[in-house]
Amino acid sequence: MFKILIVTIVFIPILTFSQTNKNYIVIGYSSICCGTPSENPIMGYIIKFEKNNKLKPFEMFAEYGLGKEGEFAFYIGTDNLNNKLTKSFLNGLKDTATNQNKQRSENSDGYVNVKEEFMTNSTLKSIKDKPRTKISSLEVYEYKKLLPTKN
């Protein structure tokens, strides 16, 4: 009985999504020939936005295995944002992606794409339950561990 309780407490939250409003911003990374662009500009913007607005960490998922050259996507939960901050955050992500795309090497670097429409929690759950490709997987993304933060 004790083991079942531990499994329930430890593993069930990992398999569920904690969002209450169930909206996620979608950022896709595509490839032209030689792999995907770096996620560092987007992650840097997210960390800066969080810090500037004194926000709790975003809930974020990554879906890997979307193509032969490492294509992937991020899903960023927006629960901790009001409508004004959501619009500001989305616009900042789009600006960051646009700047990164402008600086890309045209014949080798892929694109960063920020989608206008949000993805729902139920869609993410269905991706988790039934991956879109034979090699794709959806997992929690720990973006704070990737970049050093400057105080």
C-alpha atoms as a PDB file:
ATOM      1  CA  MET A   1       0.000   0.000   0.000  1.00  0.00           C
ATOM      2  CA  PHE A   2       2.825   2.396   0.897  1.00  0.00           C
ATOM      3  CA  LYS A   3       4.512   1.755  -2.479  1.00  0.00           C
ATOM      4  CA  ILE A   4       1.285   2.573  -4.329  1.00  0.00           C
ATOM      5  CA  LEU A   5       1.014   5.846  -2.409  1.00  0.00           C
ATOM      6  CA  ILE A   6       4.601   6.781  -3.319  1.00  0.00           C
ATOM      7  CA  VAL A   7       4.019   5.950  -6.979  1.00  0.00           C
ATOM      8  CA  THR A   8       0.846   8.056  -6.956  1.00  0.00           C
ATOM      9  CA  ILE A   9       2.514  11.032  -5.286  1.00  0.00           C
ATOM     10  CA  VAL A  10       5.736  10.928  -7.307  1.00  0.00           C
ATOM     11  CA  PHE A  11       4.801   9.751 -10.799  1.00  0.00           C
ATOM     12  CA  ILE A  12       1.246  10.917 -11.475  1.00  0.00           C
ATOM     13  CA  PRO A  13       2.186  14.648 -11.458  1.00  0.00           C
ATOM     14  CA  ILE A  14       4.903  13.936 -14.032  1.00  0.00           C
ATOM     15  CA  LEU A  15       2.362  12.378 -16.379  1.00  0.00           C
ATOM     16  CA  THR A  16      -0.227  15.121 -15.999  1.00  0.00           C
ATOM     17  CA  PHE A  17      -0.181  18.781 -16.878  1.00  0.00           C
ATOM     18  CA  SER A  18      -0.607  21.310 -14.109  1.00  0.00           C
ATOM     19  CA  GLN A  19      -1.986  24.134 -16.217  1.00  0.00           C
ATOM     20  CA  THR A  20      -5.456  25.332 -15.279  1.00  0.00           C
ATOM     21  CA  ASN A  21      -6.232  27.526 -18.279  1.00  0.00           C
ATOM     22  CA  LYS A  22      -4.653  24.990 -20.615  1.00  0.00           C
ATOM     23  CA  ASN A  23      -3.071  27.359 -23.116  1.00  0.00           C
ATOM     24  CA  TYR A  24       0.405  26.879 -24.498  1.00  0.00           C
ATOM     25  CA  ILE A  25       2.419  29.011 -26.885  1.00  0.00           C
ATOM     26  CA  VAL A  26       3.964  26.863 -29.625  1.00  0.00           C
ATOM     27  CA  ILE A  27       7.490  27.477 -30.929  1.00  0.00           C
ATOM     28  CA  GLY A  28       8.707  25.216 -33.727  1.00  0.00           C
ATOM     29  CA  TYR A  29      12.300  24.693 -34.840  1.00  0.00           C
ATOM     30  CA  SER A  30      12.729  23.603 -38.449  1.00  0.00           C
ATOM     31  CA  SER A  31      15.728  22.653 -40.536  1.00  0.00           C
ATOM     32  CA  ILE A  32      16.836  23.450 -44.077  1.00  0.00           C
ATOM     33  CA  CYS A  33      19.666  20.957 -44.460  1.00  0.00           C
ATOM     34  CA  CYS A  34      21.973  20.973 -41.497  1.00  0.00           C
ATOM     35  CA  GLY A  35      19.995  20.921 -38.284  1.00  0.00           C
ATOM     36  CA  THR A  36      17.886  23.330 -36.307  1.00  0.00           C
ATOM     37  CA  PRO A  37      18.786  26.787 -35.008  1.00  0.00           C
ATOM     38  CA  SER A  38      19.835  27.353 -31.404  1.00  0.00           C
ATOM     39  CA  GLU A  39      17.143  27.684 -28.768  1.00  0.00           C
ATOM     40  CA  ASN A  40      19.353  30.057 -26.725  1.00  0.00           C
ATOM     41  CA  PRO A  41      17.861  33.348 -28.011  1.00  0.00           C
ATOM     42  CA  ILE A  42      14.302  32.225 -27.168  1.00  0.00           C
ATOM     43  CA  MET A  43      15.309  30.744 -23.791  1.00  0.00           C
ATOM     44  CA  GLY A  44      17.247  33.894 -22.939  1.00  0.00           C
ATOM     45  CA  TYR A  45      14.182  36.000 -23.726  1.00  0.00           C
ATOM     46  CA  ILE A  46      11.963  33.761 -21.575  1.00  0.00           C
ATOM     47  CA  ILE A  47      14.299  34.001 -18.580  1.00  0.00           C
ATOM     48  CA  LYS A  48      14.611  37.780 -18.983  1.00  0.00           C
ATOM     49  CA  PHE A  49      10.827  38.209 -19.311  1.00  0.00           C
ATOM     50  CA  GLU A  50      10.259  36.100 -16.198  1.00  0.00           C
ATOM     51  CA  LYS A  51      12.775  38.095 -14.191  1.00  0.00           C
ATOM     52  CA  ASN A  52      11.578  41.514 -15.409  1.00  0.00           C
ATOM     53  CA  ASN A  53       7.974  40.678 -14.586  1.00  0.00           C
ATOM     54  CA  LYS A  54       8.740  38.787 -11.342  1.00  0.00           C
ATOM     55  CA  LEU A  55       6.949  35.670 -12.576  1.00  0.00           C
ATOM     56  CA  LYS A  56       6.964  32.086 -11.428  1.00  0.00           C
ATOM     57  CA  PRO A  57       8.758  29.742 -13.841  1.00  0.00           C
ATOM     58  CA  PHE A  58       6.841  28.834 -16.956  1.00  0.00           C
ATOM     59  CA  GLU A  59       5.590  25.308 -17.421  1.00  0.00           C
ATOM     60  CA  MET A  60       7.320  24.127 -20.575  1.00  0.00           C
ATOM     61  CA  PHE A  61       7.361  20.964 -22.650  1.00  0.00           C
ATOM     62  CA  ALA A  62       9.574  19.953 -25.556  1.00  0.00           C
ATOM     63  CA  GLU A  63       8.595  17.603 -28.333  1.00  0.00           C
ATOM     64  CA  TYR A  64      11.582  15.989 -30.012  1.00  0.00           C
ATOM     65  CA  GLY A  65      11.874  13.712 -33.026  1.00  0.00           C
ATOM     66  CA  LEU A  66       9.692  15.699 -35.413  1.00  0.00           C
ATOM     67  CA  GLY A  67      12.024  15.270 -38.383  1.00  0.00           C
ATOM     68  CA  LYS A  68      15.181  13.673 -39.703  1.00  0.00           C
ATOM     69  CA  GLU A  69      17.337  16.712 -38.944  1.00  0.00           C
ATOM     70  CA  GLY A  70      16.340  17.175 -35.313  1.00  0.00           C
ATOM     71  CA  GLU A  71      13.209  19.283 -35.736  1.00  0.00           C
ATOM     72  CA  PHE A  72      11.458  19.944 -32.448  1.00  0.00           C
ATOM     73  CA  ALA A  73       8.895  22.187 -30.740  1.00  0.00           C
ATOM     74  CA  PHE A  74       8.436  23.927 -27.404  1.00  0.00           C
ATOM     75  CA  TYR A  75       5.124  24.411 -25.639  1.00  0.00           C
ATOM     76  CA  ILE A  76       5.112  27.222 -23.069  1.00  0.00           C
ATOM     77  CA  GLY A  77       2.280  27.404 -20.541  1.00  0.00           C
ATOM     78  CA  THR A  78       0.695  30.810 -20.014  1.00  0.00           C
ATOM     79  CA  ASP A  79      -1.096  30.277 -16.688  1.00  0.00           C
ATOM     80  CA  ASN A  80       1.026  32.789 -14.835  1.00  0.00           C
ATOM     81  CA  LEU A  81       0.223  35.596 -17.311  1.00  0.00           C
ATOM     82  CA  ASN A  82      -2.712  37.948 -17.532  1.00  0.00           C
ATOM     83  CA  ASN A  83      -3.990  38.995 -20.989  1.00  0.00           C
ATOM     84  CA  LYS A  84      -1.677  42.024 -21.234  1.00  0.00           C
ATOM     85  CA  LEU A  85       1.416  40.023 -20.243  1.00  0.00           C
ATOM     86  CA  THR A  86       0.432  37.170 -22.568  1.00  0.00           C
ATOM     87  CA  LYS A  87       0.270  39.563 -25.519  1.00  0.00           C
ATOM     88  CA  SER A  88       3.571  41.192 -24.538  1.00  0.00           C
ATOM     89  CA  PHE A  89       5.250  37.804 -24.055  1.00  0.00           C
ATOM     90  CA  LEU A  90       3.990  36.463 -27.383  1.00  0.00           C
ATOM     91  CA  ASN A  91       5.102  39.618 -29.215  1.00  0.00           C
ATOM     92  CA  GLY A  92       8.541  39.403 -27.603  1.00  0.00           C
ATOM     93  CA  LEU A  93       8.890  35.756 -28.615  1.00  0.00           C
ATOM     94  CA  LYS A  94       7.910  36.631 -32.192  1.00  0.00           C
ATOM     95  CA  ASP A  95      10.418  39.512 -32.270  1.00  0.00           C
ATOM     96  CA  THR A  96      13.173  37.269 -30.897  1.00  0.00           C
ATOM     97  CA  ALA A  97      12.402  34.586 -33.496  1.00  0.00           C
ATOM     98  CA  THR A  98      12.262  37.166 -36.303  1.00  0.00           C
ATOM     99  CA  ASN A  99      15.658  38.576 -35.305  1.00  0.00           C
ATOM    100  CA  GLN A 100      17.145  35.098 -35.102  1.00  0.00           C
ATOM    101  CA  ASN A 101      15.695  34.177 -38.512  1.00  0.00           C
ATOM    102  CA  LYS A 102      17.136  37.355 -40.056  1.00  0.00           C
ATOM    103  CA  GLN A 103      20.624  36.409 -38.841  1.00  0.00           C
ATOM    104  CA  ARG A 104      20.490  32.825 -40.080  1.00  0.00           C
ATOM    105  CA  SER A 105      22.717  31.414 -42.787  1.00  0.00           C
ATOM    106  CA  GLU A 106      20.263  31.047 -45.677  1.00  0.00           C
ATOM    107  CA  ASN A 107      21.642  27.815 -47.080  1.00  0.00           C
ATOM    108  CA  SER A 108      22.138  25.903 -43.865  1.00  0.00           C
ATOM    109  CA  ASP A 109      20.225  27.210 -40.860  1.00  0.00           C
ATOM    110  CA  GLY A 110      16.598  26.392 -40.204  1.00  0.00           C
ATOM    111  CA  TYR A 111      13.871  28.651 -38.866  1.00  0.00           C
ATOM    112  CA  VAL A 112      12.298  29.459 -35.514  1.00  0.00           C
ATOM    113  CA  ASN A 113       8.516  29.747 -35.841  1.00  0.00           C
ATOM    114  CA  VAL A 114       6.225  31.192 -33.149  1.00  0.00           C
ATOM    115  CA  LYS A 115       2.623  30.250 -33.831  1.00  0.00           C
ATOM    116  CA  GLU A 116      -0.203  32.754 -33.447  1.00  0.00           C
ATOM    117  CA  GLU A 117      -2.723  30.213 -32.179  1.00  0.00           C
ATOM    118  CA  PHE A 118      -2.285  28.558 -28.814  1.00  0.00           C
ATOM    119  CA  MET A 119      -2.271  24.817 -28.206  1.00  0.00           C
ATOM    120  CA  THR A 120      -4.588  23.335 -25.611  1.00  0.00           C
ATOM    121  CA  ASN A 121      -3.762  21.059 -22.729  1.00  0.00           C
ATOM    122  CA  SER A 122      -5.890  18.287 -24.247  1.00  0.00           C
ATOM    123  CA  THR A 123      -3.907  18.432 -27.505  1.00  0.00           C
ATOM    124  CA  LEU A 124      -0.643  18.111 -25.579  1.00  0.00           C
ATOM    125  CA  LYS A 125      -2.044  15.147 -23.678  1.00  0.00           C
ATOM    126  CA  SER A 126      -2.992  13.473 -26.950  1.00  0.00           C
ATOM    127  CA  ILE A 127       0.542  14.080 -28.313  1.00  0.00           C
ATOM    128  CA  LYS A 128       1.949  12.514 -25.147  1.00  0.00           C
ATOM    129  CA  ASP A 129      -0.381   9.510 -25.464  1.00  0.00           C
ATOM    130  CA  LYS A 130       0.041   9.084 -29.222  1.00  0.00           C
ATOM    131  CA  PRO A 131       3.313  10.568 -30.554  1.00  0.00           C
ATOM    132  CA  ARG A 132       3.118  12.235 -33.968  1.00  0.00           C
ATOM    133  CA  THR A 133       6.038  10.268 -35.423  1.00  0.00           C
ATOM    134  CA  LYS A 134       7.627   6.919 -34.666  1.00  0.00           C
ATOM    135  CA  ILE A 135      10.516   8.642 -32.915  1.00  0.00           C
ATOM    136  CA  SER A 136       8.864  11.672 -31.329  1.00  0.00           C
ATOM    137  CA  SER A 137       8.496  12.208 -27.611  1.00  0.00           C
ATOM    138  CA  LEU A 138       7.029  14.899 -25.367  1.00  0.00           C
ATOM    139  CA  GLU A 139       8.769  15.723 -22.108  1.00  0.00           C
ATOM    140  CA  VAL A 140       9.077  18.427 -19.469  1.00  0.00           C
ATOM    141  CA  TYR A 141      11.692  20.982 -20.506  1.00  0.00           C
ATOM    142  CA  GLU A 142      13.966  22.425 -17.805  1.00  0.00           C
ATOM    143  CA  TYR A 143      14.986  25.638 -19.559  1.00  0.00           C
ATOM    144  CA  LYS A 144      16.481  27.326 -16.474  1.00  0.00           C
ATOM    145  CA  LYS A 145      19.272  24.745 -16.374  1.00  0.00           C
ATOM    146  CA  LEU A 146      20.445  25.619 -19.883  1.00  0.00           C
ATOM    147  CA  LEU A 147      21.473  29.238 -19.650  1.00  0.00           C
ATOM    148  CA  PRO A 148      23.455  31.060 -16.979  1.00  0.00           C
ATOM    149  CA  THR A 149      21.392  33.850 -15.460  1.00  0.00           C
ATOM    150  CA  LYS A 150      22.902  37.248 -14.845  1.00  0.00           C
ATOM    151  CA  ASN A 151      21.877  39.160 -11.749  1.00  0.00           C
END
